[in-house]
């Protein structure tokens, strides 16, 4: 009689391995290509939506008229495309769509939900440790992010610009480096232990389970290679910058100050080639934002019930957030790299997981796409009743990054809007 495998033991071991960063072979290149500037990707989500009547024009195409929100970005008119009629398939669960904005996984918030890999992590895995950090996740408050690895496990975000700056540019003393290397070796020890456990289970496994264990061994080998890649970066000096170290904003009511500070870090990350993949999660801070004329919390105002007083305050918040987005585009247009603007090689997606936050509606999501060498200067309106999958746009973004993917999540093909 065969001994039954302890499923819980297997999942516990598997969880440790799959939670490690980048279970994928490292790329052969180390550092920036000498031939041309690399492609980059930025994914930004403001979790409480954008008020549609203040955002969308009545006219589609390149000759769209200005709106309250678009007027904030008029100077960038030729640098971005605004989309409507995009959404993920089978969404719901009110604010649970925050979990799936970058992954497109079905049925968030329902029993048994398991997230899937996010678009930024697919790109990061493809690049590997060609940069010191395969990806950087940022959040306006707390460690929650919208980035998920292959196992559907959230990759924590950094919410301290000061700590981020230190990790990017400050080398640290000998003691700190020794501690970091020790942690890395501990990771190798965990892999050794996982391998022993898995081999023990393999002796009594069924044929199907042996196939799964072989995949597991493969992930361990990949993790070992990536740990080795990460270790190499410890012995390489960090890039230098003339930028002053930022000071963290501890007042949770200063939503705009925190958002602006995070956005100011992004050009530093990109121009020093510290990472080529950045995601930003702008969350509710559970405080009345420090914006003149705003007297209620952001979340409360997003559920305005068509109250004109609440809508007026909500628009002040969203206008300020869009202002931060415009400032980021300013910086990316100003920064030069081998004669080109940083924006020309950086795809910047900005949007929300809610199309109508007042009704928790996850359809018709507000989506901006800027830079990246795409054709811009248009308002593109897809069918508002029969939306195009947002994953189609993500697939196009991945292909632009050089990821040879034929599909992503619920995509039906790449998105075309020219």
Protein backbone atom coordinates (compact mmCIF):
# COMPACT_ATOMS: atom_id res chain seq x y z
CA UNK A 1 0.00 0.00 0.00
CA UNK A 2 1.40 3.37 -1.00
CA UNK A 3 1.97 5.97 1.63
CA UNK A 4 -0.29 8.97 1.06
CA UNK A 5 1.49 12.28 0.46
CA UNK A 6 0.90 14.97 3.03
CA UNK A 7 -0.63 17.67 0.83
CA UNK A 8 -0.25 20.31 3.51
CA UNK A 9 3.48 19.65 3.77
CA UNK A 10 3.88 19.94 0.01
CA UNK A 11 1.98 23.21 -0.16
CA UNK A 12 3.95 24.64 2.73
CA UNK A 13 7.23 23.81 1.04
CA UNK A 14 5.99 24.99 -2.32
CA UNK A 15 4.79 28.26 -0.85
CA UNK A 16 8.24 29.16 0.39
CA UNK A 17 9.86 28.42 -2.94
CA UNK A 18 7.27 30.17 -5.07
CA UNK A 19 7.30 33.23 -2.85
CA UNK A 20 10.96 33.79 -3.61
CA UNK A 21 11.61 36.47 -6.23
CA UNK A 22 11.79 35.50 -9.86
CA UNK A 23 11.67 31.74 -10.29
CA UNK A 24 13.16 32.28 -13.72
CA UNK A 25 16.65 32.08 -15.23
CA UNK A 26 18.60 35.30 -15.04
CA UNK A 27 19.28 37.11 -18.27
CA UNK A 28 22.82 36.90 -19.71
CA UNK A 29 23.17 40.67 -19.93
CA UNK A 30 24.21 42.70 -16.90
CA UNK A 31 23.26 46.34 -17.03
CA UNK A 32 22.09 48.62 -19.76
CA UNK A 33 22.52 47.76 -23.41
CA UNK A 34 25.19 49.81 -25.11
CA UNK A 35 23.20 49.88 -28.36
CA UNK A 36 20.04 51.72 -27.38
CA UNK A 37 18.05 52.79 -24.32
CA UNK A 38 16.00 49.95 -22.84
CA UNK A 39 12.22 49.79 -22.76
CA UNK A 40 10.55 50.55 -19.42
CA UNK A 41 7.07 50.15 -17.97
CA UNK A 42 5.23 52.11 -15.28
CA UNK A 43 1.81 50.99 -14.00
CA UNK A 44 -0.13 53.42 -11.79
CA UNK A 45 -3.53 52.86 -10.19
CA UNK A 46 -5.65 55.33 -8.25
CA UNK A 47 -7.93 52.91 -6.46
CA UNK A 48 -11.07 55.06 -6.09
CA UNK A 49 -11.72 55.80 -9.74
CA UNK A 50 -12.02 59.04 -11.72
CA UNK A 51 -15.34 60.87 -12.09
CA UNK A 52 -16.43 60.08 -15.64
CA UNK A 53 -18.39 63.27 -16.45
CA UNK A 54 -15.31 65.37 -15.61
CA UNK A 55 -12.98 63.11 -17.60
CA UNK A 56 -14.43 61.86 -20.87
CA UNK A 57 -14.91 64.07 -23.94
CA UNK A 58 -17.97 63.81 -26.18
CA UNK A 59 -15.76 63.64 -29.27
CA UNK A 60 -13.51 60.68 -30.03
CA UNK A 61 -10.28 60.70 -32.00
CA UNK A 62 -7.53 63.33 -32.10
CA UNK A 63 -9.88 66.34 -32.12
CA UNK A 64 -11.53 65.66 -28.78
CA UNK A 65 -12.57 68.69 -26.75
CA UNK A 66 -11.07 69.52 -23.39
CA UNK A 67 -12.74 68.47 -20.14
CA UNK A 68 -12.23 69.51 -16.53
CA UNK A 69 -9.70 66.73 -16.00
CA UNK A 70 -8.08 66.65 -19.42
CA UNK A 71 -7.38 70.36 -19.21
CA UNK A 72 -4.94 69.50 -16.41
CA UNK A 73 -2.96 67.49 -18.98
CA UNK A 74 -3.38 69.68 -22.05
CA UNK A 75 0.37 70.30 -22.31
CA UNK A 76 0.80 66.53 -22.77
CA UNK A 77 -2.04 66.11 -25.25
CA UNK A 78 0.21 64.58 -27.92
CA UNK A 79 1.94 62.28 -25.41
CA UNK A 80 -0.96 60.13 -24.18
CA UNK A 81 -4.06 58.21 -25.25
CA UNK A 82 -7.21 58.14 -23.14
CA UNK A 83 -9.28 54.95 -23.35
CA UNK A 84 -12.83 54.10 -22.34
CA UNK A 85 -14.62 50.80 -22.85
CA UNK A 86 -11.87 48.67 -21.28
CA UNK A 87 -12.32 46.34 -18.32
CA UNK A 88 -11.34 42.98 -16.90
CA UNK A 89 -13.57 39.94 -17.37
CA UNK A 90 -15.72 38.61 -14.51
CA UNK A 91 -14.99 41.27 -11.92
CA UNK A 92 -16.96 42.33 -8.88
CA UNK A 93 -16.58 42.20 -5.14
CA UNK A 94 -16.69 45.97 -4.71
CA UNK A 95 -13.18 47.15 -3.81
CA UNK A 96 -11.74 43.64 -4.26
CA UNK A 97 -10.99 44.70 -7.83
CA UNK A 98 -7.96 46.45 -6.36
CA UNK A 99 -6.44 42.97 -6.17
CA UNK A 100 -6.82 42.23 -9.86
CA UNK A 101 -6.14 45.55 -11.60
CA UNK A 102 -2.75 44.36 -12.84
CA UNK A 103 -3.53 40.63 -13.03
CA UNK A 104 -7.00 40.39 -14.55
CA UNK A 105 -7.79 37.33 -12.42
CA UNK A 106 -11.48 36.43 -12.43
CA UNK A 107 -13.95 36.79 -9.56
CA UNK A 108 -12.03 38.75 -6.92
CA UNK A 109 -13.74 38.77 -3.56
CA UNK A 110 -15.54 35.47 -4.11
CA UNK A 111 -14.97 32.30 -2.08
CA UNK A 112 -11.93 30.39 -3.24
CA UNK A 113 -10.48 33.32 -5.17
CA UNK A 114 -6.82 32.90 -6.08
CA UNK A 115 -4.98 35.75 -7.74
CA UNK A 116 -2.69 35.28 -10.73
CA UNK A 117 0.54 36.89 -11.86
CA UNK A 118 0.39 40.62 -12.55
CA UNK A 119 1.52 42.24 -15.79
CA UNK A 120 4.45 44.05 -14.15
CA UNK A 121 5.78 40.80 -12.70
CA UNK A 122 5.56 39.04 -16.06
CA UNK A 123 7.76 41.78 -17.51
CA UNK A 124 10.08 41.69 -14.51
CA UNK A 125 10.57 37.93 -14.82
CA UNK A 126 11.37 38.29 -18.49
CA UNK A 127 14.09 40.85 -17.72
CA UNK A 128 15.38 39.08 -14.62
CA UNK A 129 18.30 40.62 -12.73
CA UNK A 130 19.53 42.67 -15.67
CA UNK A 131 19.02 45.54 -13.20
CA UNK A 132 19.64 45.55 -9.46
CA UNK A 133 15.89 45.39 -8.84
CA UNK A 134 13.78 43.45 -11.38
CA UNK A 135 10.82 45.60 -10.32
CA UNK A 136 9.95 48.29 -7.81
CA UNK A 137 6.52 48.40 -6.16
CA UNK A 138 5.44 51.68 -4.55
CA UNK A 139 2.41 52.54 -2.42
CA UNK A 140 1.07 55.80 -1.04
CA UNK A 141 0.36 54.09 2.28
CA UNK A 142 1.32 50.69 3.68
CA UNK A 143 2.93 47.67 2.06
CA UNK A 144 -0.10 46.52 0.04
CA UNK A 145 0.58 46.43 -3.69
CA UNK A 146 -1.19 45.25 -6.84
CA UNK A 147 1.78 43.12 -7.89
CA UNK A 148 1.47 39.33 -7.64
CA UNK A 149 3.94 36.58 -8.46
CA UNK A 150 3.27 33.34 -10.31
CA UNK A 151 1.72 31.81 -7.20
CA UNK A 152 -0.71 34.68 -6.78
CA UNK A 153 1.19 35.94 -3.74
CA UNK A 154 1.37 39.70 -3.29
CA UNK A 155 4.80 41.29 -3.69
CA UNK A 156 5.01 43.95 -0.94
CA UNK A 157 5.30 47.61 -1.85
CA UNK A 158 7.68 50.24 -0.53
CA UNK A 159 5.89 53.23 0.97
CA UNK A 160 8.90 55.10 2.38
CA UNK A 161 10.66 57.25 -0.25
CA UNK A 162 13.54 57.76 2.18
CA UNK A 163 14.07 54.02 2.58
CA UNK A 164 13.71 53.53 -1.17
CA UNK A 165 16.36 56.16 -1.83
CA UNK A 166 18.68 54.43 0.62
CA UNK A 167 18.16 51.05 -1.06
CA UNK A 168 18.77 52.57 -4.48
CA UNK A 169 21.79 54.79 -3.87
CA UNK A 170 23.37 54.34 -0.43
CA UNK A 171 25.92 51.55 -0.33
CA UNK A 172 25.72 50.84 3.37
CA UNK A 173 28.58 49.94 5.69
CA UNK A 174 30.38 46.61 5.90
CA UNK A 175 28.11 45.38 8.71
CA UNK A 176 24.93 46.05 6.71
CA UNK A 177 26.32 44.34 3.62
CA UNK A 178 27.35 41.35 5.71
CA UNK A 179 23.84 41.11 7.17
CA UNK A 180 22.26 41.24 3.70
CA UNK A 181 24.56 38.52 2.40
CA UNK A 182 23.75 36.40 5.44
CA UNK A 183 20.04 36.69 4.64
CA UNK A 184 20.77 35.63 1.10
CA UNK A 185 22.62 32.54 2.34
CA UNK A 186 19.68 31.76 4.59
CA UNK A 187 17.55 31.75 1.47
CA UNK A 188 19.87 29.17 -0.05
CA UNK A 189 19.55 27.06 3.09
CA UNK A 190 15.77 27.15 2.78
CA UNK A 191 16.05 25.92 -0.80
CA UNK A 192 18.30 23.06 0.33
CA UNK A 193 15.73 22.05 2.93
CA UNK A 194 12.89 22.25 0.43
CA UNK A 195 14.79 20.03 -1.98
CA UNK A 196 15.29 17.36 0.70
CA UNK A 197 11.57 17.43 1.61
CA UNK A 198 10.50 17.21 -2.02
CA UNK A 199 12.84 14.30 -2.80
CA UNK A 200 11.51 12.40 0.19
CA UNK A 201 7.94 12.85 -1.04
CA UNK A 202 8.93 11.81 -4.57
CA UNK A 203 9.62 8.25 -3.42
CA UNK A 204 5.94 7.57 -2.70
CA UNK A 205 4.36 10.00 -5.14
CA UNK A 206 1.98 9.05 -7.91
CA UNK A 207 3.00 9.65 -11.53
CA UNK A 208 0.96 12.86 -11.64
CA UNK A 209 2.51 14.11 -8.41
CA UNK A 210 6.01 13.26 -9.67
CA UNK A 211 5.36 15.54 -12.63
CA UNK A 212 4.37 18.30 -10.23
CA UNK A 213 7.46 17.66 -8.12
CA UNK A 214 9.68 17.86 -11.20
CA UNK A 215 8.20 21.29 -11.91
CA UNK A 216 8.90 22.13 -8.29
CA UNK A 217 12.54 21.05 -8.63
CA UNK A 218 12.81 23.23 -11.70
CA UNK A 219 11.55 26.24 -9.75
CA UNK A 220 14.11 25.54 -7.02
CA UNK A 221 16.92 25.49 -9.58
CA UNK A 222 15.66 28.75 -11.06
CA UNK A 223 15.45 30.31 -7.60
CA UNK A 224 19.03 29.26 -6.88
CA UNK A 225 20.24 30.92 -10.09
CA UNK A 226 18.41 34.11 -9.20
CA UNK A 227 19.79 34.13 -5.68
CA UNK A 228 23.22 33.91 -7.25
CA UNK A 229 22.32 36.80 -9.55
CA UNK A 230 21.15 38.91 -6.62
CA UNK A 231 24.38 38.12 -4.75
CA UNK A 232 26.47 39.52 -7.62
CA UNK A 233 24.77 42.90 -7.23
CA UNK A 234 25.99 43.13 -3.63
CA UNK A 235 29.55 43.44 -4.90
CA UNK A 236 28.76 46.11 -7.46
CA UNK A 237 28.68 49.77 -6.42
CA UNK A 238 25.31 51.47 -6.43
CA UNK A 239 24.72 54.30 -8.90
CA UNK A 240 25.45 57.85 -7.83
CA UNK A 241 22.94 60.67 -7.98
CA UNK A 242 23.02 64.39 -7.26
CA UNK A 243 19.42 64.24 -6.02
CA UNK A 244 18.85 65.01 -2.37
CA UNK A 245 17.53 62.19 -0.19
CA UNK A 246 13.78 62.67 0.29
CA UNK A 247 12.14 63.08 3.67
CA UNK A 248 9.14 60.90 4.35
CA UNK A 249 5.76 62.52 4.88
CA UNK A 250 4.19 61.00 7.95
CA UNK A 251 0.88 62.90 7.84
CA UNK A 252 -1.55 60.40 6.29
CA UNK A 253 -3.84 63.28 5.34
CA UNK A 254 -1.24 64.56 2.88
CA UNK A 255 -2.33 62.25 0.07
CA UNK A 256 -1.04 64.53 -2.66
CA UNK A 257 2.30 65.22 -0.99
CA UNK A 258 2.92 61.48 -0.59
CA UNK A 259 1.87 60.74 -4.16
CA UNK A 260 4.05 63.52 -5.58
CA UNK A 261 7.05 62.27 -3.60
CA UNK A 262 6.63 58.74 -4.93
CA UNK A 263 6.32 60.02 -8.48
CA UNK A 264 9.49 62.06 -8.07
CA UNK A 265 11.38 58.87 -7.29
CA UNK A 266 10.40 57.17 -10.55
CA UNK A 267 12.71 59.11 -12.94
CA UNK A 268 15.60 58.44 -10.54
CA UNK A 269 14.87 54.71 -10.65
CA UNK A 270 14.71 54.68 -14.44
CA UNK A 271 17.57 56.99 -15.39
CA UNK A 272 20.00 55.11 -13.12
CA UNK A 273 18.73 51.82 -14.57
CA UNK A 274 18.06 50.57 -11.05
CA UNK A 275 14.89 48.97 -12.41
CA UNK A 276 12.86 49.08 -15.59
CA UNK A 277 9.52 48.08 -14.08
CA UNK A 278 7.68 50.28 -11.56
CA UNK A 279 4.16 50.00 -10.18
CA UNK A 280 2.41 52.58 -7.99
CA UNK A 281 -0.71 52.04 -5.88
CA UNK A 282 -2.53 55.22 -4.77
CA UNK A 283 -4.82 54.16 -1.94
CA UNK A 284 -7.42 55.62 0.36
CA UNK A 285 -5.61 57.09 3.37
CA UNK A 286 -8.66 57.00 5.68
CA UNK A 287 -8.22 60.69 6.40
CA UNK A 288 -9.56 63.96 5.04
CA UNK A 289 -7.01 64.95 2.35
CA UNK A 290 -5.18 68.21 2.93
CA UNK A 291 -6.71 69.91 -0.10
CA UNK A 292 -8.45 73.26 0.11
CA UNK A 293 -12.22 72.86 -0.01
CA UNK A 294 -12.20 69.14 0.85
CA UNK A 295 -14.01 68.27 4.07
CA UNK A 296 -14.49 64.50 3.88
CA UNK A 297 -12.47 61.34 3.30
CA UNK A 298 -11.68 60.30 -0.25
CA UNK A 299 -13.57 56.99 0.02
CA UNK A 300 -16.68 58.66 1.37
CA UNK A 301 -16.64 61.23 -1.43
CA UNK A 302 -16.22 58.53 -4.08
CA UNK A 303 -19.64 57.24 -2.94
CA UNK A 304 -21.20 60.61 -3.60
CA UNK A 305 -24.73 59.43 -4.40
CA UNK A 306 -24.81 62.19 -7.05
CA UNK A 307 -24.61 64.81 -4.30
CA UNK A 308 -23.18 67.87 -6.09
CA UNK A 309 -21.40 69.09 -2.96
CA UNK A 310 -19.60 65.76 -2.57
CA UNK A 311 -18.83 65.58 -6.29
CA UNK A 312 -17.26 69.04 -6.18
CA UNK A 313 -14.94 67.90 -3.38
CA UNK A 314 -14.18 64.61 -5.09
CA UNK A 315 -13.14 66.46 -8.24
CA UNK A 316 -10.69 68.54 -6.23
CA UNK A 317 -8.96 65.35 -5.04
CA UNK A 318 -8.92 63.70 -8.45
CA UNK A 319 -7.73 66.89 -10.15
CA UNK A 320 -4.80 67.00 -7.73
CA UNK A 321 -3.93 63.34 -8.41
CA UNK A 322 -4.04 63.97 -12.15
CA UNK A 323 -1.80 66.96 -11.53
CA UNK A 324 0.78 64.60 -10.00
CA UNK A 325 0.52 62.39 -13.08
CA UNK A 326 1.11 65.43 -15.29
CA UNK A 327 4.18 66.36 -13.26
CA UNK A 328 5.55 62.84 -13.72
CA UNK A 329 5.16 63.17 -17.48
CA UNK A 330 6.93 66.55 -17.25
CA UNK A 331 9.90 64.89 -15.60
CA UNK A 332 10.02 62.01 -18.07
CA UNK A 333 9.92 64.47 -20.97
CA UNK A 334 12.71 66.60 -19.47
CA UNK A 335 15.11 63.74 -18.70
CA UNK A 336 17.33 62.88 -21.67
CA UNK A 337 18.99 59.58 -22.49
CA UNK A 338 21.30 59.23 -25.47
CA UNK A 339 19.48 62.11 -27.16
CA UNK A 340 15.98 60.77 -26.53
CA UNK A 341 13.49 61.73 -23.87
CA UNK A 342 13.06 59.19 -21.10
CA UNK A 343 9.33 59.16 -21.89
CA UNK A 344 9.97 57.88 -25.41
CA UNK A 345 11.21 54.55 -24.03
CA UNK A 346 8.86 54.41 -21.04
CA UNK A 347 5.28 53.14 -21.30
CA UNK A 348 3.25 54.84 -18.57
CA UNK A 349 -0.17 53.34 -17.81
CA UNK A 350 -2.36 55.29 -15.39
CA UNK A 351 -5.89 54.30 -14.46
CA UNK A 352 -8.22 52.76 -11.93
CA UNK A 353 -9.82 49.44 -11.04
CA UNK A 354 -13.22 51.17 -10.79
CA UNK A 355 -15.08 52.79 -13.65
CA UNK A 356 -17.75 54.23 -11.39
CA UNK A 357 -16.66 54.14 -7.78
CA UNK A 358 -20.05 55.45 -6.63
CA UNK A 359 -21.59 52.13 -7.74
CA UNK A 360 -18.49 49.92 -7.33
CA UNK A 361 -18.70 49.39 -11.10
CA UNK A 362 -15.56 47.69 -12.52
CA UNK A 363 -16.50 48.30 -16.18
CA UNK A 364 -15.48 51.17 -18.48
CA UNK A 365 -12.27 51.77 -16.59
CA UNK A 366 -10.51 55.13 -17.02
CA UNK A 367 -7.17 54.29 -18.61
CA UNK A 368 -4.38 56.58 -19.82
CA UNK A 369 -1.40 55.29 -21.76
CA UNK A 370 1.52 57.67 -22.29
CA UNK A 371 4.95 57.47 -23.90
CA UNK A 372 6.59 54.24 -24.95
CA UNK A 373 6.81 55.19 -28.60
CA UNK A 374 3.11 54.50 -29.18
CA UNK A 375 0.93 56.69 -31.39
CA UNK A 376 -0.88 59.10 -29.08
CA UNK A 377 -2.98 62.26 -29.04
CA UNK A 378 -6.40 60.56 -29.15
CA UNK A 379 -9.45 59.68 -27.12
CA UNK A 380 -10.28 56.06 -28.00
CA UNK A 381 -13.75 54.88 -26.98
CA UNK A 382 -14.48 51.17 -27.22
CA UNK A 383 -17.99 49.78 -26.76
CA UNK A 384 -19.18 50.81 -23.30
CA UNK A 385 -21.62 47.90 -23.09
CA UNK A 386 -19.33 45.25 -24.53
CA UNK A 387 -15.91 46.25 -23.26
CA UNK A 388 -12.60 45.20 -24.71
CA UNK A 389 -10.48 43.21 -22.21
CA UNK A 390 -8.01 45.47 -20.42
CA UNK A 391 -5.67 42.47 -20.63
CA UNK A 392 -5.45 43.13 -24.39
CA UNK A 393 -3.73 46.42 -23.60
CA UNK A 394 -1.48 44.66 -21.10
CA UNK A 395 -0.49 42.14 -23.75
CA UNK A 396 0.46 45.00 -26.08
CA UNK A 397 2.51 46.57 -23.29
CA UNK A 398 4.31 43.29 -22.63
CA UNK A 399 5.14 42.82 -26.29
CA UNK A 400 6.52 46.37 -26.35
CA UNK A 401 8.79 45.34 -23.50
CA UNK A 402 10.08 42.48 -25.61
CA UNK A 403 8.13 39.78 -23.78
CA UNK A 404 7.26 37.13 -26.41
CA UNK A 405 3.81 36.50 -24.95
CA UNK A 406 0.84 35.49 -27.10
CA UNK A 407 -1.68 36.04 -24.33
CA UNK A 408 -2.04 37.51 -20.86
CA UNK A 409 -4.80 36.64 -18.39
CA UNK A 410 -8.15 37.01 -20.20
CA UNK A 411 -6.76 38.67 -23.32
CA UNK A 412 -8.15 37.87 -26.74
CA UNK A 413 -5.26 39.49 -28.61
CA UNK A 414 -3.24 42.67 -28.58
CA UNK A 415 -5.06 46.02 -28.44
CA UNK A 416 -4.95 48.20 -31.54
CA UNK A 417 -6.10 51.82 -31.60
CA UNK A 418 -4.32 53.49 -34.53
